[in-house]
């Protein structure tokens, strides 16, 4: 998994509270975004909520930071915490040792959620936010449009490619969540469903 880059399509901004859960669809309808830092619940595969360093609080993964990716207190969602800052010039975070089983060929439920604070959604026409190969790509397209592409064969042939479903804005915290509940994929922004697609096709990464 990669945060903030895929083939040099970097984003500029802050991220906090990234959680990947296999086997649980945490949200099945509109919801109120978390009011406190996330914790590891049942089936949590990854939890990134920076404290003193960029680390996986589920203690299951190895993290590599590229460029000058670092923790920051300049912008935080919750008092007393830190965020990850990526400056858009070669910074990204790569998560190793996360079994692809949460996505590749997996047919069960999952949730990917985090808080995001972009500072320049208009750089270029394509900015990766969170990716797992070509199988799962959450990105910004065309100057601010939140988009999601999913592939069953880890290529540019997508069975789901929804583009510009919501216009992201600079300099504000926004909660993003991608949830699969059965065969239904839903993308939420600040707890509000922005796109729902039903398909039995499985992901590959």
Protein backbone atom coordinates (compact mmCIF):
# COMPACT_ATOMS: atom_id res chain seq x y z
CA UNK A 1 0.00 0.00 0.00
CA UNK A 2 1.19 3.49 -0.76
CA UNK A 3 0.03 6.79 0.69
CA UNK A 4 0.53 9.91 -1.36
CA UNK A 5 2.10 8.69 -4.60
CA UNK A 6 1.80 6.34 -7.54
CA UNK A 7 4.08 6.79 -10.54
CA UNK A 8 5.03 10.29 -9.35
CA UNK A 9 1.45 11.57 -8.93
CA UNK A 10 2.05 13.11 -5.51
CA UNK A 11 -0.44 14.95 -3.35
CA UNK A 12 0.27 17.85 -1.05
CA UNK A 13 -1.23 17.86 2.42
CA UNK A 14 -1.74 16.07 5.72
CA UNK A 15 -3.24 12.69 6.62
CA UNK A 16 -4.33 11.29 9.96
CA UNK A 17 -6.14 8.22 11.32
CA UNK A 18 -5.76 5.77 8.42
CA UNK A 19 -7.39 2.45 9.29
CA UNK A 20 -7.77 -0.65 7.11
CA UNK A 21 -10.19 -3.30 8.33
CA UNK A 22 -10.71 -6.68 6.70
CA UNK A 23 -14.00 -8.46 7.28
CA UNK A 24 -15.97 -5.50 8.62
CA UNK A 25 -18.05 -2.89 6.88
CA UNK A 26 -17.90 -0.22 9.58
CA UNK A 27 -20.36 2.05 7.79
CA UNK A 28 -23.47 0.94 5.90
CA UNK A 29 -25.25 4.30 5.69
CA UNK A 30 -24.47 7.98 6.26
CA UNK A 31 -22.68 8.54 9.57
CA UNK A 32 -21.04 11.11 11.84
CA UNK A 33 -17.24 11.00 11.31
CA UNK A 34 -15.16 9.98 14.35
CA UNK A 35 -14.74 12.63 17.02
CA UNK A 36 -11.62 11.07 18.53
CA UNK A 37 -8.58 9.20 17.20
CA UNK A 38 -9.39 5.78 15.79
CA UNK A 39 -8.45 2.62 17.66
CA UNK A 40 -7.73 -0.92 16.48
CA UNK A 41 -10.99 -2.87 16.43
CA UNK A 42 -11.58 -6.50 15.44
CA UNK A 43 -10.00 -7.35 12.07
CA UNK A 44 -7.92 -4.14 11.90
CA UNK A 45 -5.03 -4.81 9.49
CA UNK A 46 -3.45 -1.38 9.67
CA UNK A 47 -3.79 1.70 11.87
CA UNK A 48 -1.80 4.84 11.19
CA UNK A 49 -2.33 7.52 13.81
CA UNK A 50 1.00 9.30 14.31
CA UNK A 51 2.15 9.96 17.83
CA UNK A 52 5.92 10.29 18.24
CA UNK A 53 6.68 8.81 14.82
CA UNK A 54 5.03 7.40 11.71
CA UNK A 55 4.18 3.89 12.89
CA UNK A 56 1.55 1.20 12.55
CA UNK A 57 -0.37 1.07 15.82
CA UNK A 58 -1.78 -2.35 14.93
CA UNK A 59 1.88 -3.52 15.07
CA UNK A 60 1.53 -5.64 11.94
CA UNK A 61 3.34 -3.67 9.26
CA UNK A 62 6.65 -2.12 8.29
CA UNK A 63 6.52 1.47 7.08
CA UNK A 64 9.00 3.24 4.80
CA UNK A 65 8.98 7.01 4.42
CA UNK A 66 10.29 8.55 1.19
CA UNK A 67 11.37 12.09 0.49
CA UNK A 68 10.96 14.10 3.66
CA UNK A 69 7.64 12.66 4.76
CA UNK A 70 7.33 13.33 8.48
CA UNK A 71 4.97 13.82 11.38
CA UNK A 72 3.62 17.32 11.89
CA UNK A 73 1.77 19.32 14.49
CA UNK A 74 1.03 22.17 12.07
CA UNK A 75 -2.33 20.62 11.20
CA UNK A 76 -3.97 17.96 13.38
CA UNK A 77 -7.55 16.81 13.60
CA UNK A 78 -7.43 15.93 17.28
CA UNK A 79 -5.65 17.84 20.04
CA UNK A 80 -2.45 16.25 21.26
CA UNK A 81 -1.92 14.16 18.13
CA UNK A 82 0.19 14.45 14.98
CA UNK A 83 -0.47 14.04 11.29
CA UNK A 84 1.68 12.91 8.38
CA UNK A 85 2.80 15.77 6.16
CA UNK A 86 3.61 15.16 2.47
CA UNK A 87 4.83 18.22 0.58
CA UNK A 88 4.06 17.09 -2.98
CA UNK A 89 7.68 16.92 -4.14
CA UNK A 90 8.59 13.26 -3.86
CA UNK A 91 7.12 12.48 -0.43
CA UNK A 92 5.14 9.32 0.14
CA UNK A 93 4.71 6.53 2.66
CA UNK A 94 4.92 2.86 1.67
CA UNK A 95 3.40 0.19 3.90
CA UNK A 96 5.18 -3.14 3.62
CA UNK A 97 4.30 -6.51 5.14
CA UNK A 98 0.58 -5.89 4.84
CA UNK A 99 -0.84 -9.11 3.46
CA UNK A 100 -2.59 -8.41 0.18
CA UNK A 101 -5.35 -10.71 1.46
CA UNK A 102 -7.32 -7.65 2.57
CA UNK A 103 -7.75 -6.77 -1.08
CA UNK A 104 -6.33 -9.26 -3.59
CA UNK A 105 -8.95 -11.83 -4.49
CA UNK A 106 -10.72 -11.09 -1.21
CA UNK A 107 -14.50 -11.25 -1.53
CA UNK A 108 -15.48 -10.19 1.99
CA UNK A 109 -16.26 -6.82 3.54
CA UNK A 110 -13.67 -4.15 4.28
CA UNK A 111 -13.31 -0.52 5.33
CA UNK A 112 -10.55 1.98 4.51
CA UNK A 113 -10.94 5.31 6.30
CA UNK A 114 -8.87 8.33 7.23
CA UNK A 115 -8.84 12.10 7.74
CA UNK A 116 -7.26 14.13 4.95
CA UNK A 117 -6.22 17.80 4.82
CA UNK A 118 -5.13 18.74 1.29
CA UNK A 119 -3.30 22.00 0.76
CA UNK A 120 -3.28 22.05 -3.04
CA UNK A 121 -5.83 19.87 -4.85
CA UNK A 122 -5.17 21.74 -8.11
CA UNK A 123 -1.58 20.57 -8.74
CA UNK A 124 -1.62 18.77 -12.09
CA UNK A 125 -4.63 16.72 -13.10
CA UNK A 126 -3.94 13.59 -11.07
CA UNK A 127 -2.94 13.10 -7.42
CA UNK A 128 -2.81 9.70 -5.72
CA UNK A 129 -4.06 9.58 -2.13
CA UNK A 130 -4.01 5.88 -1.27
CA UNK A 131 -3.15 2.94 -3.54
CA UNK A 132 -2.57 -0.80 -3.49
CA UNK A 133 -1.03 -1.53 -6.87
CA UNK A 134 -3.45 -0.87 -9.72
CA UNK A 135 -6.12 -2.85 -7.90
CA UNK A 136 -7.18 -0.05 -5.54
CA UNK A 137 -6.58 3.60 -6.37
CA UNK A 138 -8.18 6.46 -4.46
CA UNK A 139 -7.14 9.69 -6.13
CA UNK A 140 -7.87 13.30 -7.04
CA UNK A 141 -8.60 14.03 -10.67
CA UNK A 142 -8.84 17.23 -12.66
CA UNK A 143 -8.19 19.77 -9.91
CA UNK A 144 -10.10 18.41 -6.93
CA UNK A 145 -12.46 15.63 -8.01
CA UNK A 146 -12.39 12.63 -5.66
CA UNK A 147 -12.18 9.41 -7.70
CA UNK A 148 -11.83 5.65 -7.15
CA UNK A 149 -10.59 2.98 -9.57
CA UNK A 150 -10.71 -0.77 -8.85
CA UNK A 151 -9.23 -3.55 -10.96
CA UNK A 152 -9.70 -7.33 -10.92
CA UNK A 153 -6.36 -8.00 -12.64
CA UNK A 154 -4.08 -5.26 -11.24
CA UNK A 155 -4.01 -3.37 -14.54
CA UNK A 156 -5.55 -0.25 -16.01
CA UNK A 157 -8.62 -2.29 -16.95
CA UNK A 158 -11.07 -1.25 -14.23
CA UNK A 159 -14.38 -2.81 -13.28
CA UNK A 160 -15.14 0.31 -11.26
CA UNK A 161 -13.85 3.79 -12.10
CA UNK A 162 -15.93 6.60 -10.64
CA UNK A 163 -14.43 10.03 -11.24
CA UNK A 164 -15.03 13.42 -9.69
CA UNK A 165 -17.80 12.25 -7.37
CA UNK A 166 -17.01 15.03 -4.91
CA UNK A 167 -14.92 18.19 -5.11
CA UNK A 168 -12.30 18.22 -2.36
CA UNK A 169 -11.33 21.58 -0.90
CA UNK A 170 -8.03 22.92 0.37
CA UNK A 171 -7.12 23.66 3.96
CA UNK A 172 -9.81 21.72 5.77
CA UNK A 173 -9.99 18.28 7.35
CA UNK A 174 -12.24 15.87 5.46
CA UNK A 175 -13.08 12.30 6.46
CA UNK A 176 -12.89 9.75 3.62
CA UNK A 177 -14.09 6.15 3.75
CA UNK A 178 -14.30 3.38 1.16
CA UNK A 179 -16.49 0.48 2.28
CA UNK A 180 -17.44 -2.83 0.71
CA UNK A 181 -20.58 -4.38 2.20
CA UNK A 182 -21.35 -7.59 0.37
CA UNK A 183 -21.26 -6.61 -3.30
CA UNK A 184 -21.86 -2.93 -2.61
CA UNK A 185 -18.99 -0.42 -2.74
CA UNK A 186 -19.67 2.98 -1.17
CA UNK A 187 -17.48 6.07 -0.94
CA UNK A 188 -18.22 8.47 1.91
CA UNK A 189 -17.01 12.04 2.44
CA UNK A 190 -17.59 13.41 5.92
CA UNK A 191 -19.99 10.56 6.56
CA UNK A 192 -22.17 11.22 3.50
CA UNK A 193 -22.41 8.67 0.69
CA UNK A 194 -21.11 10.13 -2.58
CA UNK A 195 -21.12 7.03 -4.78
CA UNK A 196 -22.50 3.49 -4.54
CA UNK A 197 -21.77 0.66 -6.98
CA UNK A 198 -22.92 -2.96 -6.87
CA UNK A 199 -20.63 -5.59 -8.38
CA UNK A 200 -19.52 -9.12 -7.46
CA UNK A 201 -16.11 -8.65 -9.14
CA UNK A 202 -13.20 -9.19 -6.75
CA UNK A 203 -10.15 -6.97 -6.44
CA UNK A 204 -6.57 -7.79 -7.27
CA UNK A 205 -3.42 -6.03 -6.08
